[in-house]
Amino acid sequence: MPTQHGAVQPTTVLHLTQPVEGGVARVVVDLVRAQSAAGLRAVVGCPDGGILADAARAAGAEVLTWRAGRAPGPGLPAEVIGARRLLRRVRPDLLHAHSAKAGLAGRLAARGSVPTVFQPHAWSFDAVGGTTAALALRWERYGARWADRVLCVSEAERRAGESEGIAARWSVIRNGVDLDHFRPGGPDPGQDKARARAALPLPAAFRGDGPLAVCVGRVCLQKGQDLLLQAWPEVLGAVPGARLALVGDGPDTERLRGAAPPGVLFAGAASDIRPWLRAADLVVLPSRWEGMALAPLEAMACGRPVLVSDVSGARESLPPGQGRLCLVPPEDPTALAKALGRLLAEPRLLAELGEQARQHARTDFDVRRTTDAVTGLYHELLGRPRPLNQERISR
């Protein structure tokens, strides 16, 4: 907008988010990087801690502290007041609220006073049960009136919201990954895998030729590592040399570590997950719910096949024709074990699936397409023309 001196101020976007780790944080950083490069002013309001604040600053954002907890509770009024203060301080042209808590507090704070995009990153009512789920759904139905657009990362996520009676103005923009960052480490998949394994701090038992399955994600109920550990003894019965590495940390780590079967490595959090993806014969994510998980997209971009549970976004992530082999019903350890055993016993099949996955990721999941589409949505909501360079990219 023009100032009193005639200069044009950049469009200001306030990204409000409670998660400061994992996929939501990575999506916010990707958006900030692209929007800053396009001349927008990106501001991120988030809690202290995690990777988000430093990564967002490095990507070009101004970062302000917003104190918020993961779960709803007695702290909500203070969180809404904090969000309202950010809105008054930043005076954004548009509010982009990411995930359930920011979607709740941000919409209550703004109440339609500024164009608002709400991005669920998986529905809140899928993450809880009983009365809490009913209340979460009731809020989403009511709160949709204060979102100029509800932005879903998969058609399945949109259909899930619509089927639950959420009457929203919808947009679907699928997640993407940085294909310059997530790519094979070399032209030969076998050598790529061997180099990656040699560079990782693997125990001696993991350095042999046996197949390696890798699960990357926060160790929590959503990501389903407990289901994977239940399935693993049956996998070992079918493929005795198989090994499993869980990459990530979270609230369930110690409980699951204490009950883990043989052949499982708890690798902890990794600042760079690419060596783990490249070391894998197969990347598995048995989530209970998602919008569209990033880890399978990142694995495919590195040339690795994936096995995922059939939750929102999973079918849309996979290459055509791979659903028969690479999808399992959610919360079904027996089906998970059978699929893992079948795939890990067939190295040639895994190599073929991995090459299909690499080509698919490069064709369909370039983050530049995602970020350009989100910025285009902003311009649509603000009634402003899309910059010429973005028009060229989107065609």
Protein backbone atom coordinates (compact mmCIF):
# COMPACT_ATOMS: atom_id res chain seq x y z
CA MET A 1 0.00 0.00 0.00
CA PRO A 2 1.22 3.60 -0.64
CA THR A 3 2.64 5.61 2.26
CA GLN A 4 2.10 9.32 2.84
CA HIS A 5 5.28 9.91 0.81
CA GLY A 6 4.04 7.87 -2.12
CA ALA A 7 6.32 4.86 -1.59
CA VAL A 8 4.72 1.44 -1.92
CA GLN A 9 4.95 -0.71 1.17
CA PRO A 10 5.29 -4.46 0.66
CA THR A 11 2.36 -6.72 1.36
CA THR A 12 2.71 -7.95 4.95
CA VAL A 13 1.77 -11.52 5.87
CA LEU A 14 1.63 -12.66 9.48
CA HIS A 15 2.22 -16.41 9.80
CA LEU A 16 0.86 -17.52 13.18
CA THR A 17 1.83 -21.02 14.32
CA GLN A 18 2.15 -23.03 17.52
CA PRO A 19 4.22 -25.98 16.19
CA VAL A 20 7.90 -25.00 16.03
CA GLU A 21 9.19 -28.39 14.87
CA GLY A 22 8.30 -30.93 12.22
CA GLY A 23 6.33 -30.54 9.04
CA VAL A 24 4.38 -27.40 9.97
CA ALA A 25 7.61 -25.55 10.78
CA ARG A 26 9.17 -26.66 7.49
CA VAL A 27 6.12 -25.50 5.52
CA VAL A 28 6.22 -22.08 7.21
CA VAL A 29 9.95 -21.68 6.48
CA ASP A 30 9.44 -22.64 2.82
CA LEU A 31 6.65 -20.08 2.49
CA VAL A 32 8.66 -17.36 4.22
CA ARG A 33 11.68 -17.97 2.00
CA ALA A 34 9.63 -17.74 -1.19
CA GLN A 35 7.57 -14.77 -0.04
CA SER A 36 10.61 -12.80 1.10
CA ALA A 37 12.28 -13.45 -2.25
CA ALA A 38 9.09 -12.22 -3.98
CA GLY A 39 9.19 -8.93 -2.07
CA LEU A 40 6.56 -9.63 0.57
CA ARG A 41 7.13 -8.79 4.22
CA ALA A 42 6.83 -12.05 6.13
CA VAL A 43 6.37 -12.00 9.90
CA VAL A 44 6.21 -15.20 11.98
CA GLY A 45 4.50 -15.31 15.37
CA CYS A 46 5.39 -18.48 17.26
CA PRO A 47 6.44 -19.79 20.68
CA ASP A 48 10.10 -19.85 21.69
CA GLY A 49 12.11 -23.03 21.18
CA GLY A 50 12.32 -25.53 18.36
CA ILE A 51 13.85 -24.87 14.96
CA LEU A 52 11.28 -22.46 13.56
CA ALA A 53 12.40 -19.07 14.88
CA ASP A 54 16.02 -19.31 13.72
CA ALA A 55 15.11 -20.96 10.42
CA ALA A 56 12.43 -18.37 9.67
CA ARG A 57 14.84 -15.49 10.40
CA ALA A 58 17.42 -17.07 8.11
CA ALA A 59 14.72 -17.31 5.42
CA GLY A 60 13.99 -13.59 5.68
CA ALA A 61 11.20 -13.28 8.24
CA GLU A 62 10.79 -11.03 11.23
CA VAL A 63 10.03 -13.34 14.17
CA LEU A 64 7.91 -12.32 17.16
CA THR A 65 7.12 -14.43 20.22
CA TRP A 66 3.60 -15.75 20.58
CA ARG A 67 3.14 -17.81 23.75
CA ALA A 68 0.90 -20.79 23.07
CA GLY A 69 0.61 -24.40 24.16
CA ARG A 70 -0.15 -27.37 21.95
CA ALA A 71 -3.48 -28.34 23.52
CA PRO A 72 -6.54 -26.18 24.18
CA GLY A 73 -7.09 -25.31 27.82
CA PRO A 74 -7.27 -22.51 30.38
CA GLY A 75 -4.45 -20.65 28.63
CA LEU A 76 -6.59 -19.96 25.55
CA PRO A 77 -7.77 -16.45 26.56
CA ALA A 78 -4.16 -15.33 27.04
CA GLU A 79 -3.23 -16.90 23.70
CA VAL A 80 -6.03 -15.00 21.96
CA ILE A 81 -4.94 -11.75 23.63
CA GLY A 82 -1.36 -12.45 22.52
CA ALA A 83 -2.49 -13.04 18.94
CA ARG A 84 -4.51 -9.81 19.02
CA ARG A 85 -1.46 -7.89 20.22
CA LEU A 86 0.57 -9.31 17.33
CA LEU A 87 -2.09 -8.21 14.88
CA ARG A 88 -2.05 -4.68 16.27
CA ARG A 89 1.74 -4.56 16.24
CA VAL A 90 2.30 -6.04 12.79
CA ARG A 91 -0.82 -4.61 11.07
CA PRO A 92 -0.67 -7.36 8.43
CA ASP A 93 -2.47 -7.24 5.13
CA LEU A 94 -3.23 -10.93 5.62
CA LEU A 95 -3.16 -13.46 8.47
CA HIS A 96 -2.09 -17.03 7.67
CA ALA A 97 -2.87 -19.26 10.67
CA HIS A 98 -1.19 -22.67 10.65
CA SER A 99 -2.54 -25.73 12.46
CA ALA A 100 -5.22 -26.07 15.12
CA LYS A 101 -4.11 -23.78 17.93
CA ALA A 102 -3.18 -20.83 15.71
CA GLY A 103 -6.35 -21.44 13.74
CA LEU A 104 -8.35 -21.19 16.96
CA ALA A 105 -6.59 -18.24 18.61
CA GLY A 106 -5.86 -16.38 15.39
CA ARG A 107 -9.44 -16.46 14.11
CA LEU A 108 -10.82 -15.48 17.51
CA ALA A 109 -8.36 -12.59 17.63
CA ALA A 110 -9.01 -11.34 14.09
CA ARG A 111 -12.72 -12.18 13.71
CA GLY A 112 -12.72 -11.12 10.09
CA SER A 113 -10.92 -7.80 10.65
CA VAL A 114 -8.11 -8.87 8.30
CA PRO A 115 -8.19 -11.35 5.39
CA THR A 116 -7.46 -14.73 6.96
CA VAL A 117 -6.20 -18.03 5.61
CA PHE A 118 -6.49 -21.03 7.92
CA GLN A 119 -4.35 -24.08 7.07
CA PRO A 120 -5.23 -27.09 9.27
CA HIS A 121 -2.20 -29.30 8.44
CA ALA A 122 -4.52 -32.22 9.48
CA TRP A 123 -7.80 -31.73 11.30
CA SER A 124 -7.80 -31.18 15.05
CA PHE A 125 -10.79 -33.50 15.58
CA ASP A 126 -8.81 -36.42 14.13
CA ALA A 127 -6.14 -36.00 16.80
CA VAL A 128 -8.42 -36.46 19.81
CA GLY A 129 -11.41 -38.50 20.84
CA GLY A 130 -14.67 -38.34 22.72
CA THR A 131 -15.94 -35.01 23.99
CA THR A 132 -12.76 -33.20 22.98
CA ALA A 133 -13.18 -34.31 19.36
CA ALA A 134 -16.82 -33.22 19.36
CA LEU A 135 -15.86 -29.79 20.70
CA ALA A 136 -13.04 -29.46 18.17
CA LEU A 137 -15.40 -30.27 15.29
CA ARG A 138 -18.03 -27.88 16.63
CA TRP A 139 -15.41 -25.12 16.70
CA GLU A 140 -14.19 -25.85 13.17
CA ARG A 141 -17.75 -25.64 11.88
CA TYR A 142 -18.25 -22.30 13.65
CA GLY A 143 -14.78 -20.85 13.05
CA ALA A 144 -14.95 -21.34 9.28
CA ARG A 145 -16.93 -18.07 9.07
CA TRP A 146 -13.75 -16.19 10.09
CA ALA A 147 -11.56 -17.72 7.39
CA ASP A 148 -11.59 -16.13 3.96
CA ARG A 149 -10.09 -19.41 2.80
CA VAL A 150 -9.47 -22.78 4.44
CA LEU A 151 -6.33 -24.08 2.75
CA CYS A 152 -5.95 -27.86 2.63
CA VAL A 153 -2.83 -29.71 1.54
CA SER A 154 -4.72 -32.55 -0.12
CA GLU A 155 -8.11 -33.19 -1.66
CA ALA A 156 -8.64 -35.89 0.95
CA GLU A 157 -8.15 -33.35 3.75
CA ARG A 158 -10.71 -31.04 2.13
CA ARG A 159 -13.19 -33.90 1.64
CA ALA A 160 -12.77 -34.91 5.29
CA GLY A 161 -13.63 -31.39 6.46
CA GLU A 162 -16.55 -31.10 4.07
CA SER A 163 -17.95 -34.49 5.07
CA GLU A 164 -17.92 -33.37 8.72
CA GLY A 165 -20.09 -30.39 7.94
CA ILE A 166 -17.49 -27.62 7.75
CA ALA A 167 -18.95 -25.06 5.34
CA ALA A 168 -15.82 -23.23 4.22
CA ARG A 169 -14.43 -21.45 1.20
CA TRP A 170 -11.87 -24.07 0.23
CA SER A 171 -8.55 -24.10 -1.58
CA VAL A 172 -6.33 -27.15 -2.07
CA ILE A 173 -2.61 -26.62 -2.59
CA ARG A 174 -0.56 -29.77 -2.13
CA ASN A 175 2.63 -29.79 -0.12
CA GLY A 176 5.95 -29.72 -1.94
CA VAL A 177 9.61 -30.18 -1.11
CA ASP A 178 12.84 -28.45 -2.08
CA LEU A 179 14.06 -30.66 -4.92
CA ASP A 180 17.50 -29.06 -4.86
CA HIS A 181 17.87 -30.12 -1.22
CA PHE A 182 16.09 -33.48 -1.29
CA ARG A 183 17.62 -35.48 -4.11
CA PRO A 184 19.70 -38.65 -4.52
CA GLY A 185 23.29 -38.32 -3.38
CA GLY A 186 24.59 -39.77 -6.64
CA PRO A 187 23.51 -41.42 -9.90
CA ASP A 188 23.94 -44.99 -8.66
CA PRO A 189 21.33 -45.89 -5.99
CA GLY A 190 23.44 -48.74 -4.57
CA GLN A 191 26.53 -46.59 -4.11
CA ASP A 192 24.38 -43.74 -2.78
CA LYS A 193 22.95 -46.07 -0.14
CA ALA A 194 26.36 -47.48 0.82
CA ARG A 195 27.91 -44.01 1.20
CA ALA A 196 25.02 -42.81 3.33
CA ARG A 197 25.23 -45.82 5.65
CA ALA A 198 29.00 -45.43 5.99
CA ALA A 199 28.56 -41.78 7.04
CA LEU A 200 25.92 -42.47 9.69
CA PRO A 201 26.65 -43.46 13.32
CA LEU A 202 25.17 -46.92 12.85
CA PRO A 203 25.81 -49.82 15.24
CA ALA A 204 27.75 -52.72 13.77
CA ALA A 205 24.56 -54.79 13.40
CA PHE A 206 23.17 -52.15 11.03
CA ARG A 207 26.19 -52.04 8.72
CA GLY A 208 25.57 -55.30 6.90
CA ASP A 209 23.72 -55.91 3.65
CA GLY A 210 20.34 -56.55 5.28
CA PRO A 211 17.48 -54.29 4.22
CA LEU A 212 16.99 -51.13 6.26
CA ALA A 213 13.60 -49.53 6.86
CA VAL A 214 13.61 -45.96 8.13
CA CYS A 215 10.78 -44.06 9.81
CA VAL A 216 11.24 -40.28 10.06
CA GLY A 217 8.95 -38.23 12.26
CA ARG A 218 8.08 -36.95 15.69
CA VAL A 219 7.76 -39.95 18.00
CA CYS A 220 4.14 -39.56 19.02
CA LEU A 221 0.69 -41.09 18.66
CA GLN A 222 0.00 -39.41 15.31
CA LYS A 223 3.00 -40.89 13.50
CA GLY A 224 2.29 -44.46 14.61
CA GLN A 225 5.75 -45.68 15.58
CA ASP A 226 4.06 -47.88 18.20
CA LEU A 227 2.23 -49.70 15.39
CA LEU A 228 5.52 -50.19 13.57
CA LEU A 229 7.12 -51.73 16.67
CA GLN A 230 4.14 -54.07 17.07
CA ALA A 231 4.59 -55.18 13.47
CA TRP A 232 8.37 -55.59 13.55
CA PRO A 233 8.68 -59.11 15.10
CA GLU A 234 6.54 -60.48 12.26
CA VAL A 235 8.72 -58.62 9.75
CA LEU A 236 11.82 -60.26 11.24
CA GLY A 237 10.14 -63.63 10.85
CA ALA A 238 9.78 -62.99 7.12
CA VAL A 239 13.08 -61.12 6.56
CA PRO A 240 15.51 -62.10 9.37
CA GLY A 241 18.21 -59.61 8.34
CA ALA A 242 15.91 -56.59 8.32
CA ARG A 243 16.67 -53.56 10.49
CA LEU A 244 14.56 -50.55 11.48
CA ALA A 245 15.72 -47.04 12.37
CA LEU A 246 13.37 -44.53 14.01
CA VAL A 247 14.63 -41.01 13.28
CA GLY A 248 13.11 -38.32 15.46
CA ASP A 249 12.24 -37.51 19.03
CA GLY A 250 9.03 -36.86 20.88
CA PRO A 251 6.87 -37.58 23.91
CA ASP A 252 6.64 -41.33 23.30
CA THR A 253 10.35 -42.00 22.78
CA GLU A 254 11.26 -43.45 26.16
CA ARG A 255 8.10 -45.52 26.51
CA LEU A 256 8.57 -47.10 23.09
CA ARG A 257 12.30 -47.59 23.55
CA GLY A 258 11.63 -49.69 26.64
CA ALA A 259 9.34 -52.05 24.71
CA ALA A 260 11.23 -52.17 21.41
CA PRO A 261 11.89 -55.60 19.80
CA PRO A 262 15.35 -56.57 18.48
CA GLY A 263 16.66 -54.96 15.32
CA VAL A 264 15.37 -51.46 16.11
CA LEU A 265 17.52 -48.35 16.46
CA PHE A 266 16.23 -45.17 18.11
CA ALA A 267 18.41 -42.68 16.25
CA GLY A 268 17.03 -39.52 17.84
CA ALA A 269 16.43 -36.21 16.12
CA ALA A 270 18.57 -35.34 13.09
CA SER A 271 19.30 -31.82 11.89
CA ASP A 272 19.64 -33.24 8.37
CA ILE A 273 17.50 -36.27 7.55
CA ARG A 274 18.83 -36.77 4.02
CA PRO A 275 21.56 -39.29 5.01
CA TRP A 276 18.90 -41.42 6.72
CA LEU A 277 16.58 -41.28 3.73
CA ARG A 278 19.40 -42.17 1.34
CA ALA A 279 20.56 -45.01 3.61
CA ALA A 280 17.11 -46.60 3.55
CA ASP A 281 15.86 -49.37 1.34
CA LEU A 282 12.33 -48.32 2.28
CA VAL A 283 10.90 -45.34 4.19
CA VAL A 284 7.78 -46.15 6.22
CA LEU A 285 5.29 -43.83 7.92
CA PRO A 286 2.32 -45.60 9.57
CA SER A 287 0.48 -42.41 10.60
CA ARG A 288 -2.92 -42.41 12.26
CA TRP A 289 -3.84 -39.08 10.65
CA GLU A 290 -2.25 -36.49 8.35
CA GLY A 291 -3.09 -33.73 5.89
CA MET A 292 -0.28 -34.67 3.53
CA ALA A 293 2.90 -35.79 5.27
CA LEU A 294 6.20 -34.28 4.14
CA ALA A 295 8.51 -37.18 5.05
CA PRO A 296 7.24 -39.48 2.25
CA LEU A 297 7.63 -36.66 -0.29
CA GLU A 298 11.18 -36.00 0.91
CA ALA A 299 12.01 -39.71 0.74
CA MET A 300 10.66 -40.04 -2.79
CA ALA A 301 12.61 -36.97 -3.88
CA CYS A 302 15.74 -38.79 -2.63
CA GLY A 303 14.82 -41.79 -4.78
CA ARG A 304 13.48 -44.02 -2.03
CA PRO A 305 10.19 -45.94 -2.08
CA VAL A 306 7.70 -45.37 0.71
CA LEU A 307 5.14 -47.42 2.60
CA VAL A 308 2.42 -45.29 4.17
CA SER A 309 -0.90 -45.76 5.92
CA ASP A 310 -3.97 -44.82 3.93
CA VAL A 311 -4.76 -41.52 5.64
CA SER A 312 -5.45 -38.11 4.12
CA GLY A 313 -2.94 -37.19 1.45
CA ALA A 314 -1.30 -40.61 1.21
CA ARG A 315 -2.92 -41.77 -2.05
CA GLU A 316 -2.25 -38.35 -3.59
CA SER A 317 1.41 -38.60 -2.61
CA LEU A 318 2.19 -41.93 -4.25
CA PRO A 319 3.15 -42.51 -7.88
CA PRO A 320 0.30 -43.91 -10.00
CA GLY A 321 -0.05 -47.65 -9.52
CA GLN A 322 1.92 -47.90 -6.26
CA GLY A 323 -1.11 -47.83 -3.96
CA ARG A 324 -1.54 -51.61 -4.24
CA LEU A 325 1.92 -52.22 -2.75
CA CYS A 326 2.67 -49.10 -0.75
CA LEU A 327 -0.56 -48.33 1.13
CA VAL A 328 -1.79 -50.12 4.25
CA PRO A 329 -4.89 -49.54 6.38
CA PRO A 330 -4.22 -47.21 9.33
CA GLU A 331 -3.86 -48.79 12.79
CA ASP A 332 -3.40 -52.30 11.40
CA PRO A 333 -0.03 -53.74 12.54
CA THR A 334 -0.72 -57.08 10.84
CA ALA A 335 -1.26 -55.50 7.42
CA LEU A 336 1.76 -53.27 8.04
CA ALA A 337 3.95 -56.28 8.86
CA LYS A 338 2.86 -58.20 5.76
CA ALA A 339 3.52 -55.22 3.47
CA LEU A 340 6.91 -54.54 5.03
CA GLY A 341 7.95 -58.17 4.79
CA ARG A 342 6.86 -58.41 1.16
CA LEU A 343 8.70 -55.24 0.10
CA LEU A 344 11.90 -55.73 2.11
CA ALA A 345 12.33 -59.22 0.65
CA GLU A 346 12.39 -57.84 -2.92
CA PRO A 347 15.41 -55.55 -3.47
CA ARG A 348 14.83 -55.30 -7.23
CA LEU A 349 11.23 -54.25 -6.67
CA LEU A 350 12.35 -51.64 -4.14
CA ALA A 351 14.84 -50.22 -6.63
CA GLU A 352 12.14 -49.99 -9.30
CA LEU A 353 9.67 -48.36 -6.91
CA GLY A 354 12.36 -45.92 -5.78
CA GLU A 355 13.08 -44.73 -9.31
CA GLN A 356 9.36 -44.27 -9.98
CA ALA A 357 9.12 -42.32 -6.72
CA ARG A 358 12.01 -40.03 -7.66
CA GLN A 359 10.51 -39.18 -11.03
CA HIS A 360 7.07 -38.64 -9.47
CA ALA A 361 8.40 -36.26 -6.81
CA ARG A 362 10.31 -34.21 -9.35
CA THR A 363 7.24 -33.95 -11.57
CA ASP A 364 4.53 -33.29 -8.97
CA PHE A 365 5.99 -32.00 -5.71
CA ASP A 366 8.28 -29.06 -6.40
CA VAL A 367 7.94 -26.66 -3.45
CA ARG A 368 8.23 -23.70 -5.81
CA ARG A 369 4.90 -24.65 -7.31
CA THR A 370 3.39 -24.85 -3.82
CA THR A 371 4.73 -21.52 -2.58
CA ASP A 372 3.80 -19.74 -5.80
CA ALA A 373 0.24 -21.04 -5.53
CA VAL A 374 -0.04 -19.85 -1.90
CA THR A 375 1.23 -16.38 -2.80
CA GLY A 376 -1.20 -16.34 -5.71
CA LEU A 377 -4.00 -17.12 -3.25
CA TYR A 378 -2.95 -14.13 -1.14
CA HIS A 379 -3.15 -11.82 -4.15
CA GLU A 380 -6.58 -13.23 -5.01
CA LEU A 381 -7.90 -12.57 -1.50
CA LEU A 382 -6.40 -9.09 -1.39
CA GLY A 383 -7.74 -8.22 -4.83
CA ARG A 384 -4.28 -7.41 -6.13
CA PRO A 385 -2.73 -8.53 -9.42
CA ARG A 386 -0.25 -11.35 -9.29
CA PRO A 387 3.31 -10.16 -10.10
CA LEU A 388 4.41 -10.97 -13.64
CA ASN A 389 7.20 -13.30 -12.56
CA GLN A 390 4.71 -15.40 -10.56
CA GLU A 391 2.34 -15.52 -13.54
CA ARG A 392 5.12 -16.99 -15.64
CA ILE A 393 6.04 -19.57 -12.99
CA SER A 394 2.46 -20.75 -12.49
CA ARG A 395 1.82 -21.54 -16.15
